[in-house]
Protein backbone atom coordinates (compact mmCIF):
# COMPACT_ATOMS: atom_id res chain seq x y z
CA UNK A 1 7.77 -22.47 -0.08
CA UNK A 2 4.85 -23.34 -2.40
CA UNK A 3 4.50 -20.00 -4.15
CA UNK A 4 3.13 -16.52 -3.63
CA UNK A 5 -0.51 -15.49 -3.87
CA UNK A 6 -0.92 -11.98 -5.34
CA UNK A 7 -4.08 -10.11 -4.34
CA UNK A 8 -4.91 -6.93 -6.27
CA UNK A 9 -7.91 -4.69 -5.52
CA UNK A 10 -9.38 -3.08 -8.63
CA UNK A 11 -12.03 -0.70 -9.85
CA UNK A 12 -11.71 0.72 -13.38
CA UNK A 13 -7.98 0.01 -13.36
CA UNK A 14 -7.51 -0.74 -17.06
CA UNK A 15 -5.04 2.14 -17.51
CA UNK A 16 -2.46 0.68 -15.12
CA UNK A 17 -3.34 -2.99 -14.51
CA UNK A 18 -1.71 -4.35 -17.71
CA UNK A 19 1.63 -2.77 -16.79
CA UNK A 20 1.39 -4.07 -13.22
CA UNK A 21 0.71 -7.61 -14.42
CA UNK A 22 3.41 -7.48 -17.10
CA UNK A 23 6.06 -6.90 -14.43
CA UNK A 24 5.12 -9.88 -12.26
CA UNK A 25 7.20 -12.94 -13.11
CA UNK A 26 4.95 -15.65 -11.81
CA UNK A 27 6.31 -19.13 -11.27
CA UNK A 28 4.68 -22.52 -10.75
CA UNK A 29 2.69 -22.36 -7.54
CA UNK A 30 2.01 -18.63 -7.74
CA UNK A 31 -1.59 -17.46 -8.10
CA UNK A 32 -3.22 -14.17 -9.07
CA UNK A 33 -6.41 -13.03 -7.34
CA UNK A 34 -8.21 -9.85 -8.37
CA UNK A 35 -10.86 -8.40 -6.06
CA UNK A 36 -13.02 -6.13 -8.20
CA UNK A 37 -15.56 -3.70 -6.78
CA UNK A 38 -17.65 -2.95 -9.85
CA UNK A 39 -15.40 -2.03 -12.76
CA UNK A 40 -17.17 -0.79 -15.87
CA UNK A 41 -14.09 -0.74 -18.11
CA UNK A 42 -11.89 -3.62 -19.31
CA UNK A 43 -10.36 -4.35 -15.91
CA UNK A 44 -12.01 -7.73 -15.35
CA UNK A 45 -11.30 -8.89 -18.92
CA UNK A 46 -7.62 -7.92 -18.56
CA UNK A 47 -7.38 -9.80 -15.27
CA UNK A 48 -9.08 -12.91 -16.68
CA UNK A 49 -6.75 -12.94 -19.69
CA UNK A 50 -3.82 -12.91 -17.24
CA UNK A 51 -5.23 -16.02 -15.55
CA UNK A 52 -6.57 -14.27 -12.47
CA UNK A 53 -9.22 -15.64 -10.20
CA UNK A 54 -11.85 -12.90 -9.94
CA UNK A 55 -13.53 -12.16 -6.61
CA UNK A 56 -16.41 -9.71 -6.91
CA UNK A 57 -17.44 -7.35 -4.15
CA UNK A 58 -20.37 -4.96 -4.51
CA UNK A 59 -19.34 -1.31 -4.46
CA UNK A 60 -21.76 -0.73 -1.58
CA UNK A 61 -19.95 -3.37 0.49
CA UNK A 62 -16.48 -2.13 -0.35
CA UNK A 63 -13.99 -1.15 2.30
CA UNK A 64 -10.24 -1.50 1.92
CA UNK A 65 -10.07 -4.08 4.68
CA UNK A 66 -13.10 -6.09 3.54
CA UNK A 67 -11.91 -6.38 -0.04
CA UNK A 68 -8.52 -7.66 1.07
CA UNK A 69 -10.06 -10.12 3.50
CA UNK A 70 -12.17 -11.52 0.63
CA UNK A 71 -9.07 -11.98 -1.50
CA UNK A 72 -6.92 -13.40 1.27
CA UNK A 73 -9.66 -15.87 2.20
CA UNK A 74 -9.39 -17.70 -1.13
CA UNK A 75 -5.58 -17.59 -1.33
CA UNK A 76 -3.89 -20.96 -0.97
CA UNK A 77 -0.22 -20.07 -0.44
CA UNK A 78 1.71 -19.42 2.76
CA UNK A 79 2.63 -15.88 1.63
CA UNK A 80 0.21 -13.34 0.19
CA UNK A 81 1.29 -10.16 -1.60
CA UNK A 82 -1.15 -7.26 -1.43
CA UNK A 83 -0.45 -5.08 -4.46
CA UNK A 84 -2.26 -1.98 -5.68
CA UNK A 85 -3.58 -1.88 -9.25
CA UNK A 86 -1.96 1.54 -9.71
CA UNK A 87 1.43 0.71 -8.20
CA UNK A 88 3.82 -0.39 -10.95
CA UNK A 89 6.59 -2.75 -9.81
CA UNK A 90 9.95 -1.02 -10.18
CA UNK A 91 12.12 -4.13 -10.62
CA UNK A 92 10.95 -6.60 -13.26
CA UNK A 93 11.52 -9.37 -10.69
CA UNK A 94 9.48 -8.02 -7.76
CA UNK A 95 8.22 -11.49 -6.87
CA UNK A 96 11.77 -12.86 -7.01
CA UNK A 97 12.94 -10.16 -4.60
CA UNK A 98 10.21 -11.11 -2.16
CA UNK A 99 10.98 -14.82 -2.63
CA UNK A 100 14.62 -14.28 -1.69
CA UNK A 101 13.64 -12.09 1.25
CA UNK A 102 11.23 -14.72 2.57
CA UNK A 103 14.11 -17.18 2.86
CA UNK A 104 15.83 -14.67 5.19
CA UNK A 105 12.80 -13.78 7.28
CA UNK A 106 12.79 -14.82 10.94
CA UNK A 107 10.08 -17.22 12.06
CA UNK A 108 8.26 -14.47 13.95
CA UNK A 109 7.90 -12.15 10.92
CA UNK A 110 4.26 -11.36 10.14
CA UNK A 111 4.48 -8.93 7.20
CA UNK A 112 7.00 -7.05 5.06
CA UNK A 113 6.37 -3.98 2.91
CA UNK A 114 8.28 -2.59 -0.04
CA UNK A 115 8.76 1.16 -0.64
CA UNK A 116 6.23 3.10 -2.70
CA UNK A 117 7.95 5.76 -4.82
CA UNK A 118 6.78 8.71 -6.87
CA UNK A 119 10.10 8.89 -8.75
CA UNK A 120 13.60 7.42 -8.69
CA UNK A 121 14.70 10.44 -6.68
CA UNK A 122 12.64 9.12 -3.76
CA UNK A 123 14.61 5.89 -3.52
CA UNK A 124 16.60 5.53 -0.32
CA UNK A 125 18.20 2.11 0.22
CA UNK A 126 18.59 -0.17 -2.78
CA UNK A 127 18.86 -3.47 -0.95
CA UNK A 128 18.57 -5.17 2.41
CA UNK A 129 15.81 -5.96 4.88
CA UNK A 130 15.06 -3.80 7.92
CA UNK A 131 13.25 -5.44 10.83
CA UNK A 132 10.87 -3.69 13.23
CA UNK A 133 10.23 -4.94 16.75
CA UNK A 134 8.07 -3.42 19.45
CA UNK A 135 8.80 0.25 19.97
CA UNK A 136 10.65 0.41 16.63
CA UNK A 137 7.27 0.84 15.01
CA UNK A 138 6.09 3.70 17.22
CA UNK A 139 6.31 6.11 14.28
CA UNK A 140 5.28 3.66 11.55
CA UNK A 141 7.23 2.34 8.58
CA UNK A 142 8.01 5.81 7.28
CA UNK A 143 8.25 4.61 3.67
CA UNK A 144 4.86 5.60 2.29
CA UNK A 145 3.70 2.04 1.76
CA UNK A 146 1.47 -0.54 3.30
CA UNK A 147 -1.15 -2.61 1.55
CA UNK A 148 -0.30 -1.09 -1.85
CA UNK A 149 2.83 -3.28 -1.64
CA UNK A 150 3.10 -5.65 1.30
CA UNK A 151 3.55 -9.39 1.75
CA UNK A 152 1.86 -11.23 4.61
CA UNK A 153 2.30 -14.55 6.34
CA UNK A 154 -1.11 -16.13 5.75
CA UNK A 155 -1.15 -18.04 9.04
CA UNK A 156 -0.85 -14.76 10.98
CA UNK A 157 -3.57 -13.04 8.94
CA UNK A 158 -5.90 -16.03 9.38
CA UNK A 159 -5.72 -15.51 13.14
CA UNK A 160 -6.52 -11.82 12.85
CA UNK A 161 -7.93 -10.34 9.63
CA UNK A 162 -8.04 -6.68 8.57
CA UNK A 163 -10.48 -4.32 10.24
CA UNK A 164 -13.33 -4.05 7.73
CA UNK A 165 -14.79 -0.92 9.32
CA UNK A 166 -11.61 1.17 9.40
CA UNK A 167 -12.01 4.50 7.59
CA UNK A 168 -8.48 4.07 6.23
CA UNK A 169 -5.13 2.68 7.40
CA UNK A 170 -6.43 -0.87 7.71
CA UNK A 171 -2.83 -1.89 7.08
CA UNK A 172 -1.37 0.22 9.90
CA UNK A 173 -4.10 -0.92 12.27
CA UNK A 174 -3.07 -4.51 11.52
CA UNK A 175 0.63 -3.69 11.91
CA UNK A 176 0.01 -2.14 15.33
CA UNK A 177 -1.88 -5.25 16.38
CA UNK A 178 0.92 -7.51 15.10
CA UNK A 179 3.66 -5.57 16.90
CA UNK A 180 1.71 -5.55 20.16
CA UNK A 181 1.13 -9.29 19.78
CA UNK A 182 4.89 -9.85 19.59
CA UNK A 183 5.31 -10.28 15.83
CA UNK A 184 8.06 -8.70 13.74
CA UNK A 185 7.53 -6.45 10.69
CA UNK A 186 9.98 -5.58 7.93
CA UNK A 187 10.84 -3.41 4.95
CA UNK A 188 12.27 -5.11 1.85
CA UNK A 189 14.09 -2.12 0.37
CA UNK A 190 14.55 -3.47 -3.18
CA UNK A 191 10.86 -4.37 -3.58
CA UNK A 192 9.86 -0.95 -4.91
CA UNK A 193 6.71 0.13 -6.71
CA UNK A 194 5.86 3.42 -8.45
CA UNK A 195 2.61 5.12 -7.50
CA UNK A 196 0.69 5.97 -10.67
CA UNK A 197 -2.89 6.78 -9.67
CA UNK A 198 -4.44 9.41 -11.94
CA UNK A 199 -7.21 10.68 -9.68
CA UNK A 200 -7.68 14.41 -9.21
CA UNK A 201 -6.53 16.95 -6.63
CA UNK A 202 -9.73 16.85 -4.56
CA UNK A 203 -9.46 13.08 -4.13
CA UNK A 204 -5.89 13.26 -2.85
CA UNK A 205 -6.57 16.23 -0.59
CA UNK A 206 -9.37 14.27 1.10
CA UNK A 207 -7.28 11.10 1.16
CA UNK A 208 -4.47 12.96 2.92
CA UNK A 209 -6.94 14.12 5.56
CA UNK A 210 -8.44 10.64 6.01
CA UNK A 211 -5.06 8.88 6.15
CA UNK A 212 -3.67 11.29 8.73
CA UNK A 213 -6.84 11.18 10.84
CA UNK A 214 -6.84 7.39 10.89
CA UNK A 215 -3.09 7.02 11.30
CA UNK A 216 -2.66 9.24 14.31
CA UNK A 217 -5.20 7.18 16.22
CA UNK A 218 -2.81 4.25 15.90
CA UNK A 219 0.76 5.52 15.95
CA UNK A 220 2.77 8.64 16.72
CA UNK A 221 2.58 10.84 13.63
CA UNK A 222 4.64 14.02 13.29
CA UNK A 223 2.73 17.25 12.78
CA UNK A 224 3.93 18.68 9.45
CA UNK A 225 5.47 22.16 9.62
CA UNK A 226 4.99 24.84 6.99
CA UNK A 227 8.71 24.73 6.14
CA UNK A 228 8.51 20.97 5.55
CA UNK A 229 5.42 21.34 3.37
CA UNK A 230 7.18 24.00 1.28
CA UNK A 231 10.41 22.00 0.88
CA UNK A 232 8.48 18.82 0.05
CA UNK A 233 6.41 20.65 -2.56
CA UNK A 234 9.51 22.24 -4.10
CA UNK A 235 11.19 18.84 -4.36
CA UNK A 236 8.15 17.34 -6.06
CA UNK A 237 7.93 20.21 -8.52
CA UNK A 238 11.62 19.79 -9.35
CA UNK A 239 11.07 16.06 -9.94
CA UNK A 240 8.24 16.86 -12.35
CA UNK A 241 10.18 19.58 -14.18
CA UNK A 242 13.16 17.24 -14.60
CA UNK A 243 10.87 14.59 -16.05
CA UNK A 244 11.60 12.22 -13.18
CA UNK A 245 7.93 11.79 -12.34
CA UNK A 246 4.67 12.26 -14.29
CA UNK A 247 2.85 15.50 -13.62
CA UNK A 248 -0.22 13.70 -12.28
CA UNK A 249 2.02 12.06 -9.67
CA UNK A 250 3.16 15.52 -8.61
CA UNK A 251 -0.51 16.47 -8.21
CA UNK A 252 -1.23 13.31 -6.21
CA UNK A 253 1.67 13.70 -3.79
CA UNK A 254 1.32 17.48 -3.42
CA UNK A 255 -2.38 17.46 -2.59
CA UNK A 256 -2.09 14.41 -0.33
CA UNK A 257 0.55 16.28 1.65
CA UNK A 258 -1.59 19.42 1.77
CA UNK A 259 -4.51 17.33 3.04
CA UNK A 260 -2.26 15.80 5.68
CA UNK A 261 -1.08 19.25 6.78
CA UNK A 262 -4.64 20.60 6.89
CA UNK A 263 -5.92 17.67 8.95
CA UNK A 264 -2.99 17.93 11.37
CA UNK A 265 -4.20 21.41 12.37
CA UNK A 266 -7.37 19.95 13.88
CA UNK A 267 -7.45 18.27 17.28
CA UNK A 268 -8.18 14.57 17.50
CA UNK A 269 -10.71 15.22 20.25
CA UNK A 270 -14.16 14.49 18.75
CA UNK A 271 -15.52 17.37 20.78
CA UNK A 272 -13.79 19.70 18.34
CA UNK A 273 -15.58 19.09 15.01
CA UNK A 274 -13.65 19.47 11.78
CA UNK A 275 -15.07 21.25 8.77
CA UNK A 276 -16.59 19.01 6.09
């Protein structure tokens, strides 16, 4: 194993990028690639000071899949970690956890994701690797992660890159392709990150709608029930009140879930238009 290439997509990420980078213990052979889509703050300077190779993509060209494809295309290692600029590694040896997991991966493993948490109370399993084959993935990973925290076998990606026109869920679209092509997927349970985006309620409401709309075209997604929405919201509020998660993370998760619930009420049939 030569090292790990880390690809991070950024735009005005100066509030969280330094903490993300500080928790990545890079070793000889590792490389850092930052794909920036027009930052106007100190993001690019921070990345350059950390030794990153900067790949620029015009904001008008940006899609989630296209930006990752640009970063993956210049990566030189056999394994590439896609990491969000607002997902803070939980363990201070995230790369080491993935390195050890790679040594255990079967030869037919295409990608492995780590859990994305809002607080420590969301953590489920603390260790181990869970493999997904075929119908195991019918309902998705179920861990709230994908390209914000996922490592890929470069040789598999090079044969089939991310869909650059996908509205969202470019990661799940790729996973569905990989499973159908006979590849194996995995969760590395100890490779956790904490979601720390500080965008507003409207953004996350719309993101919940977009994610659900895109996801249910690919896999079987449960239709959230009112009781589940209420219990989920109560749990998040308790986390925030106990100081186990920042308040803006409560806002992010709550409104994303509300957006998901709202979108699930509308039929997938394009003949039934949704409200704007």
